[in-house]
């Protein structure tokens, strides 16, 4: 039994030494430094010459989210500037409102949580997942 313990100890210590050696001697690759000037991202002007879509569907791993744009548009009496571009850019870009970002957005009052948070102007998103996300059963 003692011999087995010694053999296992030698193997473990040898493995640890090999791991440290590979970590220390491994080549490091540095990302090339770009000398290009930073690109300025500008917001497109608000389009009021076209009617807004009735719904917008966002893909999400927790179930697609169908945003009822028509309902929100009517709620603010057609005043697009309530949300655009103050809260949302006027684009079909993803909101990046993943599970961890839900809490951040609720704490900061950003994205959907601008209104849909505890103390917001509409129902709080917490514990009401199926009001926005389709059920994945």
N, C-alpha and C. Protein backbone atom coordinates (compact mmCIF):
# COMPACT_ATOMS: atom_id res chain seq x y z
N UNK A 1 0.83 -1.19 0.00
CA UNK A 1 0.00 0.00 0.00
C UNK A 1 0.87 1.25 0.00
N UNK A 2 1.93 1.23 0.79
CA UNK A 2 2.84 2.37 0.88
C UNK A 2 3.51 2.63 -0.48
N UNK A 3 3.85 1.58 -1.18
CA UNK A 3 4.48 1.71 -2.49
C UNK A 3 3.53 2.36 -3.49
N UNK A 4 2.26 2.00 -3.42
CA UNK A 4 1.26 2.59 -4.29
C UNK A 4 1.12 4.09 -4.03
N UNK A 5 1.15 4.47 -2.74
CA UNK A 5 1.07 5.89 -2.40
C UNK A 5 2.29 6.65 -2.95
N UNK A 6 3.45 6.05 -2.88
CA UNK A 6 4.67 6.71 -3.38
C UNK A 6 4.59 6.86 -4.90
N UNK A 7 4.14 5.80 -5.58
CA UNK A 7 4.03 5.86 -7.04
C UNK A 7 3.03 6.94 -7.46
N UNK A 8 1.85 6.97 -6.83
CA UNK A 8 0.86 7.99 -7.15
C UNK A 8 1.37 9.39 -6.84
N UNK A 9 2.09 9.56 -5.76
CA UNK A 9 2.66 10.85 -5.40
C UNK A 9 3.65 11.33 -6.44
N UNK A 10 4.51 10.41 -6.91
CA UNK A 10 5.50 10.76 -7.94
C UNK A 10 4.79 11.16 -9.23
N UNK A 11 3.74 10.43 -9.60
CA UNK A 11 2.99 10.75 -10.81
C UNK A 11 2.34 12.13 -10.69
N UNK A 12 1.71 12.41 -9.56
CA UNK A 12 1.04 13.70 -9.36
C UNK A 12 2.03 14.85 -9.36
N UNK A 13 3.14 14.69 -8.65
CA UNK A 13 4.14 15.75 -8.60
C UNK A 13 4.76 15.95 -9.98
N UNK A 14 5.03 14.84 -10.68
CA UNK A 14 5.58 14.93 -12.03
C UNK A 14 4.62 15.65 -12.97
N UNK A 15 3.33 15.35 -12.85
CA UNK A 15 2.33 16.02 -13.68
C UNK A 15 2.25 17.51 -13.37
N UNK A 16 2.35 17.85 -12.09
CA UNK A 16 2.31 19.26 -11.69
C UNK A 16 3.52 20.00 -12.25
N UNK A 17 4.70 19.38 -12.15
CA UNK A 17 5.91 20.02 -12.66
C UNK A 17 5.80 20.19 -14.18
N UNK A 18 5.30 19.16 -14.88
CA UNK A 18 5.15 19.25 -16.33
C UNK A 18 4.17 20.35 -16.71
N UNK A 19 3.07 20.48 -15.99
CA UNK A 19 2.08 21.52 -16.27
C UNK A 19 2.68 22.91 -16.10
N UNK A 20 3.39 23.12 -15.01
CA UNK A 20 4.02 24.42 -14.77
C UNK A 20 5.04 24.71 -15.86
N UNK A 21 5.83 23.69 -16.25
CA UNK A 21 6.85 23.89 -17.27
C UNK A 21 6.21 24.29 -18.60
N UNK A 22 5.11 23.60 -18.99
CA UNK A 22 4.43 23.94 -20.25
C UNK A 22 3.83 25.34 -20.19
N UNK A 23 3.32 25.73 -19.05
CA UNK A 23 2.74 27.07 -18.93
C UNK A 23 3.81 28.15 -19.05
N UNK A 24 4.99 27.90 -18.45
CA UNK A 24 6.05 28.90 -18.46
C UNK A 24 6.70 28.99 -19.84
N UNK A 25 6.87 27.85 -20.51
CA UNK A 25 7.60 27.86 -21.77
C UNK A 25 6.70 27.99 -23.00
N UNK A 26 5.40 28.01 -22.82
CA UNK A 26 4.48 28.11 -23.97
C UNK A 26 4.67 29.45 -24.66
N UNK A 27 4.69 29.45 -25.99
CA UNK A 27 4.82 30.73 -26.69
C UNK A 27 3.56 31.56 -26.51
N UNK A 28 3.77 32.85 -26.39
CA UNK A 28 2.62 33.74 -26.26
C UNK A 28 2.44 34.47 -27.56
N UNK A 29 1.20 34.65 -27.93
CA UNK A 29 0.87 35.35 -29.17
C UNK A 29 0.17 36.64 -28.79
N UNK A 30 0.72 37.73 -29.23
CA UNK A 30 0.11 39.01 -28.96
C UNK A 30 -0.68 39.45 -30.17
N UNK A 31 -1.83 40.02 -29.92
CA UNK A 31 -2.66 40.52 -31.01
C UNK A 31 -1.96 41.70 -31.65
N UNK A 32 -2.03 41.79 -32.96
CA UNK A 32 -1.39 42.93 -33.62
C UNK A 32 -2.06 44.23 -33.21
N UNK A 33 -1.24 45.23 -33.02
CA UNK A 33 -1.75 46.54 -32.63
C UNK A 33 -2.15 47.29 -33.88
N UNK A 34 -3.40 47.69 -33.92
CA UNK A 34 -3.91 48.42 -35.07
C UNK A 34 -3.55 49.89 -34.94
N UNK A 35 -2.99 50.44 -36.02
CA UNK A 35 -2.65 51.85 -36.01
C UNK A 35 -3.69 52.68 -36.75
N UNK A 36 -4.79 52.02 -37.11
CA UNK A 36 -5.86 52.73 -37.81
C UNK A 36 -6.58 53.65 -36.84
N UNK A 37 -7.12 54.69 -37.38
CA UNK A 37 -7.87 55.62 -36.54
C UNK A 37 -9.20 54.97 -36.15
N UNK A 38 -9.68 55.23 -34.95
CA UNK A 38 -10.94 54.62 -34.53
C UNK A 38 -12.09 55.09 -35.41
N UNK A 39 -13.01 54.18 -35.66
CA UNK A 39 -14.17 54.49 -36.48
C UNK A 39 -15.26 55.04 -35.58
N UNK A 40 -15.78 56.16 -35.94
CA UNK A 40 -16.85 56.76 -35.15
C UNK A 40 -18.18 56.17 -35.58
N UNK A 41 -18.94 55.68 -34.61
CA UNK A 41 -20.24 55.11 -34.89
C UNK A 41 -21.27 56.21 -34.72
N UNK A 42 -22.03 56.42 -35.77
CA UNK A 42 -23.04 57.47 -35.72
C UNK A 42 -24.42 56.85 -35.77
N UNK A 43 -25.36 57.49 -35.17
CA UNK A 43 -26.75 57.04 -35.15
C UNK A 43 -27.45 57.55 -36.39
N UNK A 44 -28.15 56.66 -37.06
CA UNK A 44 -28.92 57.08 -38.23
C UNK A 44 -30.04 58.01 -37.79
N UNK A 45 -30.43 58.95 -38.62
CA UNK A 45 -31.52 59.84 -38.23
C UNK A 45 -32.82 59.07 -38.07
N UNK A 46 -33.67 59.56 -37.22
CA UNK A 46 -34.95 58.92 -36.95
C UNK A 46 -35.83 59.00 -38.19
N UNK A 47 -36.32 57.82 -38.62
CA UNK A 47 -37.17 57.77 -39.81
C UNK A 47 -38.62 57.89 -39.39
N UNK A 48 -39.26 58.96 -39.76
CA UNK A 48 -40.68 59.13 -39.47
C UNK A 48 -41.52 59.09 -40.75
N UNK A 49 -40.85 58.86 -41.89
CA UNK A 49 -41.54 58.85 -43.17
C UNK A 49 -42.12 57.48 -43.53
N UNK A 50 -41.83 56.46 -42.74
CA UNK A 50 -42.35 55.12 -43.00
C UNK A 50 -43.10 54.63 -41.77
N UNK A 51 -44.14 53.84 -41.97
CA UNK A 51 -44.88 53.35 -40.81
C UNK A 51 -44.05 52.31 -40.05
N UNK A 52 -44.18 52.28 -38.74
CA UNK A 52 -43.40 51.31 -37.96
C UNK A 52 -43.99 49.91 -38.14
N UNK A 53 -43.18 48.87 -37.94
CA UNK A 53 -43.71 47.50 -38.03
C UNK A 53 -44.64 47.23 -36.85
N UNK A 54 -45.62 46.34 -37.07
CA UNK A 54 -46.53 45.98 -35.98
C UNK A 54 -45.81 45.18 -34.90
N UNK A 55 -44.96 44.26 -35.32
CA UNK A 55 -44.19 43.45 -34.36
C UNK A 55 -42.75 43.34 -34.83
N UNK A 56 -41.86 43.09 -33.89
CA UNK A 56 -40.46 42.81 -34.18
C UNK A 56 -40.11 41.57 -33.37
N UNK A 57 -39.54 40.56 -34.05
CA UNK A 57 -39.20 39.30 -33.39
C UNK A 57 -37.69 39.25 -33.19
N UNK A 58 -37.30 39.00 -31.94
CA UNK A 58 -35.89 38.85 -31.59
C UNK A 58 -35.65 37.39 -31.24
N UNK A 59 -34.62 36.78 -31.85
CA UNK A 59 -34.26 35.42 -31.49
C UNK A 59 -33.59 35.44 -30.13
N UNK A 60 -33.86 34.40 -29.34
CA UNK A 60 -33.32 34.33 -27.99
C UNK A 60 -33.26 32.87 -27.58
N UNK A 61 -32.21 32.48 -26.87
CA UNK A 61 -32.10 31.07 -26.47
C UNK A 61 -33.16 30.67 -25.45
N UNK A 62 -33.82 31.61 -24.84
CA UNK A 62 -34.89 31.31 -23.88
C UNK A 62 -36.27 31.35 -24.52
N UNK A 63 -36.32 31.46 -25.83
CA UNK A 63 -37.58 31.54 -26.56
C UNK A 63 -37.68 32.87 -27.25
N UNK A 64 -38.08 32.86 -28.51
CA UNK A 64 -38.17 34.11 -29.27
C UNK A 64 -39.00 35.14 -28.53
N UNK A 65 -38.59 36.37 -28.66
CA UNK A 65 -39.31 37.48 -28.04
C UNK A 65 -40.00 38.26 -29.15
N UNK A 66 -41.31 38.38 -29.06
CA UNK A 66 -42.06 39.18 -30.02
C UNK A 66 -42.41 40.51 -29.36
N UNK A 67 -41.80 41.55 -29.86
CA UNK A 67 -42.02 42.90 -29.35
C UNK A 67 -43.22 43.49 -30.10
N UNK A 68 -44.25 43.85 -29.38
CA UNK A 68 -45.46 44.42 -29.99
C UNK A 68 -45.25 45.92 -30.19
N UNK A 69 -44.57 46.24 -31.28
CA UNK A 69 -44.22 47.62 -31.58
C UNK A 69 -45.46 48.48 -31.72
N UNK A 70 -46.51 47.95 -32.36
CA UNK A 70 -47.74 48.73 -32.57
C UNK A 70 -48.35 49.16 -31.24
N UNK A 71 -48.40 48.26 -30.27
CA UNK A 71 -48.95 48.58 -28.95
C UNK A 71 -48.15 49.68 -28.27
N UNK A 72 -46.82 49.57 -28.31
CA UNK A 72 -45.97 50.58 -27.69
C UNK A 72 -46.07 51.91 -28.43
N UNK A 73 -46.15 51.86 -29.75
CA UNK A 73 -46.28 53.06 -30.58
C UNK A 73 -47.58 53.80 -30.25
N UNK A 74 -48.67 53.05 -30.12
CA UNK A 74 -49.95 53.66 -29.77
C UNK A 74 -49.94 54.21 -28.35
N UNK A 75 -49.24 53.52 -27.45
CA UNK A 75 -49.20 53.94 -26.06
C UNK A 75 -48.55 55.32 -25.89
N UNK A 76 -47.60 55.65 -26.78
CA UNK A 76 -46.93 56.95 -26.70
C UNK A 76 -47.47 57.92 -27.75
N UNK A 77 -48.67 57.62 -28.27
CA UNK A 77 -49.36 58.48 -29.24
C UNK A 77 -48.51 58.79 -30.47
N UNK A 78 -47.77 57.78 -30.94
CA UNK A 78 -46.98 57.93 -32.16
C UNK A 78 -45.74 58.77 -32.01
N UNK A 79 -45.33 59.08 -30.79
CA UNK A 79 -44.13 59.87 -30.57
C UNK A 79 -42.93 58.94 -30.47
N UNK A 80 -42.29 58.70 -31.60
CA UNK A 80 -41.16 57.77 -31.67
C UNK A 80 -39.99 58.19 -30.78
N UNK A 81 -39.86 59.49 -30.54
CA UNK A 81 -38.71 59.98 -29.78
C UNK A 81 -38.76 59.60 -28.30
N UNK A 82 -39.89 59.06 -27.83
CA UNK A 82 -39.93 58.57 -26.45
C UNK A 82 -38.90 57.46 -26.27
N UNK A 83 -38.78 56.58 -27.27
CA UNK A 83 -37.85 55.46 -27.18
C UNK A 83 -36.64 55.61 -28.10
N UNK A 84 -36.86 56.18 -29.29
CA UNK A 84 -35.78 56.29 -30.28
C UNK A 84 -35.24 57.70 -30.29
N UNK A 85 -34.05 57.90 -30.16
CA UNK A 85 -32.91 57.02 -30.04
C UNK A 85 -32.39 57.04 -28.61
N UNK A 86 -33.17 57.60 -27.72
CA UNK A 86 -32.76 57.73 -26.31
C UNK A 86 -32.55 56.36 -25.68
N UNK A 87 -33.47 55.42 -25.87
CA UNK A 87 -33.39 54.11 -25.24
C UNK A 87 -32.90 53.07 -26.23
N UNK A 88 -33.44 53.08 -27.43
CA UNK A 88 -33.10 52.10 -28.45
C UNK A 88 -32.63 52.78 -29.72
N UNK A 89 -31.57 52.22 -30.35
CA UNK A 89 -31.23 52.71 -31.68
C UNK A 89 -32.33 52.25 -32.64
N UNK A 90 -32.52 52.97 -33.70
CA UNK A 90 -33.55 52.57 -34.65
C UNK A 90 -32.92 51.62 -35.65
N UNK A 91 -32.83 50.34 -35.23
CA UNK A 91 -32.24 49.32 -36.08
C UNK A 91 -32.76 47.96 -35.66
N UNK A 92 -32.43 46.96 -36.45
CA UNK A 92 -32.81 45.59 -36.13
C UNK A 92 -31.65 44.87 -35.45
N UNK A 93 -30.68 45.61 -34.94
CA UNK A 93 -29.54 45.01 -34.27
C UNK A 93 -30.00 44.32 -32.98
N UNK A 94 -29.32 43.23 -32.60
CA UNK A 94 -29.69 42.55 -31.35
C UNK A 94 -29.56 43.49 -30.16
N UNK A 95 -30.41 43.29 -29.18
CA UNK A 95 -30.40 44.14 -28.00
C UNK A 95 -29.30 43.73 -27.03
N UNK A 96 -28.79 42.50 -27.15
CA UNK A 96 -27.79 41.97 -26.21
C UNK A 96 -28.34 42.03 -24.79
N UNK A 97 -29.50 41.51 -24.63
CA UNK A 97 -30.23 41.57 -23.38
C UNK A 97 -30.31 40.16 -22.80
N UNK A 98 -29.15 39.49 -22.71
CA UNK A 98 -29.09 38.12 -22.20
C UNK A 98 -29.44 38.04 -20.74
N UNK A 99 -29.46 36.81 -20.21
CA UNK A 99 -29.90 36.60 -18.84
C UNK A 99 -29.15 37.47 -17.83
N UNK A 100 -27.83 37.52 -17.91
CA UNK A 100 -27.07 38.34 -16.96
C UNK A 100 -27.34 39.83 -17.20
N UNK A 101 -27.56 40.19 -18.44
CA UNK A 101 -27.80 41.60 -18.75
C UNK A 101 -29.19 42.06 -18.33
N UNK A 102 -30.11 41.10 -18.14
CA UNK A 102 -31.44 41.46 -17.65
C UNK A 102 -31.31 42.24 -16.34
N UNK A 103 -30.56 41.70 -15.40
CA UNK A 103 -30.41 42.33 -14.08
C UNK A 103 -29.69 43.68 -14.20
N UNK A 104 -28.68 43.73 -15.04
CA UNK A 104 -27.95 44.99 -15.22
C UNK A 104 -28.88 46.04 -15.81
N UNK A 105 -29.64 45.65 -16.84
CA UNK A 105 -30.57 46.59 -17.48
C UNK A 105 -31.64 47.05 -16.50
N UNK A 106 -32.11 46.13 -15.65
CA UNK A 106 -33.13 46.52 -14.67
C UNK A 106 -32.54 47.48 -13.64
N UNK A 107 -31.31 47.24 -13.23
CA UNK A 107 -30.67 48.12 -12.24
C UNK A 107 -30.39 49.51 -12.83
N UNK A 108 -30.01 49.54 -14.11
CA UNK A 108 -29.65 50.81 -14.74
C UNK A 108 -30.81 51.46 -15.48
N UNK A 109 -31.93 50.74 -15.65
CA UNK A 109 -33.07 51.30 -16.37
C UNK A 109 -32.79 51.49 -17.84
N UNK A 110 -32.12 50.50 -18.46
CA UNK A 110 -31.80 50.59 -19.88
C UNK A 110 -32.59 49.54 -20.66
N UNK A 111 -32.58 49.66 -21.97
CA UNK A 111 -33.27 48.76 -22.90
C UNK A 111 -34.73 48.59 -22.45
N UNK A 112 -35.25 47.37 -22.54
CA UNK A 112 -36.66 47.13 -22.19
C UNK A 112 -36.94 47.50 -20.73
N UNK A 113 -35.92 47.34 -19.89
CA UNK A 113 -36.09 47.63 -18.47
C UNK A 113 -36.26 49.12 -18.18
N UNK A 114 -36.12 49.97 -19.18
CA UNK A 114 -36.39 51.39 -18.96
C UNK A 114 -37.79 51.54 -18.39
N UNK A 115 -38.73 50.76 -18.93
CA UNK A 115 -40.11 50.77 -18.43
C UNK A 115 -40.46 49.50 -17.66
N UNK A 116 -39.88 48.36 -18.08
CA UNK A 116 -40.25 47.07 -17.51
C UNK A 116 -39.27 46.66 -16.41
N UNK A 117 -39.30 47.37 -15.31
CA UNK A 117 -38.49 47.05 -14.12
C UNK A 117 -39.37 47.33 -12.90
N UNK A 118 -38.94 46.83 -11.77
CA UNK A 118 -39.67 47.13 -10.54
C UNK A 118 -39.63 48.63 -10.34
N UNK A 119 -40.78 49.25 -10.22
CA UNK A 119 -40.87 50.70 -10.08
C UNK A 119 -40.93 51.44 -11.40
N UNK A 120 -40.91 50.70 -12.53
CA UNK A 120 -40.99 51.32 -13.85
C UNK A 120 -42.42 51.68 -14.19
N UNK A 121 -42.63 52.14 -15.41
CA UNK A 121 -43.97 52.58 -15.82
C UNK A 121 -44.85 51.45 -16.33
N UNK A 122 -44.30 50.23 -16.46
CA UNK A 122 -45.07 49.09 -16.92
C UNK A 122 -44.71 47.88 -16.05
N UNK A 123 -45.28 46.70 -16.38
CA UNK A 123 -45.03 45.52 -15.55
C UNK A 123 -43.53 45.23 -15.49
N UNK A 124 -43.09 44.74 -14.35
CA UNK A 124 -41.67 44.41 -14.17
C UNK A 124 -41.37 43.08 -14.86
N UNK A 125 -40.25 43.02 -15.56
CA UNK A 125 -39.88 41.82 -16.31
C UNK A 125 -39.55 40.65 -15.38
N UNK A 126 -39.09 40.93 -14.17
CA UNK A 126 -38.72 39.83 -13.28
C UNK A 126 -39.93 38.95 -12.98
N UNK A 127 -39.75 37.67 -13.08
CA UNK A 127 -40.78 36.66 -12.82
C UNK A 127 -41.94 36.70 -13.80
N UNK A 128 -41.83 37.40 -14.89
CA UNK A 128 -42.87 37.44 -15.91
C UNK A 128 -42.28 37.06 -17.27
N UNK A 129 -41.44 36.05 -17.30
CA UNK A 129 -40.70 35.68 -18.51
C UNK A 129 -41.60 35.43 -19.71
N UNK A 130 -42.72 34.70 -19.48
CA UNK A 130 -43.57 34.31 -20.61
C UNK A 130 -44.39 35.46 -21.17
N UNK A 131 -44.36 36.62 -20.55
CA UNK A 131 -45.04 37.77 -21.15
C UNK A 131 -44.28 38.24 -22.40
N UNK A 132 -42.99 37.95 -22.45
CA UNK A 132 -42.19 38.36 -23.60
C UNK A 132 -41.61 37.17 -24.36
N UNK A 133 -41.12 36.17 -23.64
CA UNK A 133 -40.49 35.00 -24.27
C UNK A 133 -41.53 33.94 -24.54
N UNK A 134 -41.43 33.33 -25.75
CA UNK A 134 -42.32 32.21 -26.04
C UNK A 134 -41.92 31.05 -25.13
N UNK A 135 -42.88 30.25 -24.78
CA UNK A 135 -42.63 29.11 -23.90
C UNK A 135 -41.87 28.04 -24.64
N UNK A 136 -40.79 27.52 -24.04
CA UNK A 136 -40.00 26.44 -24.66
C UNK A 136 -40.27 25.17 -23.90
N UNK A 137 -41.32 24.46 -24.27
CA UNK A 137 -41.68 23.25 -23.55
C UNK A 137 -41.28 22.03 -24.29
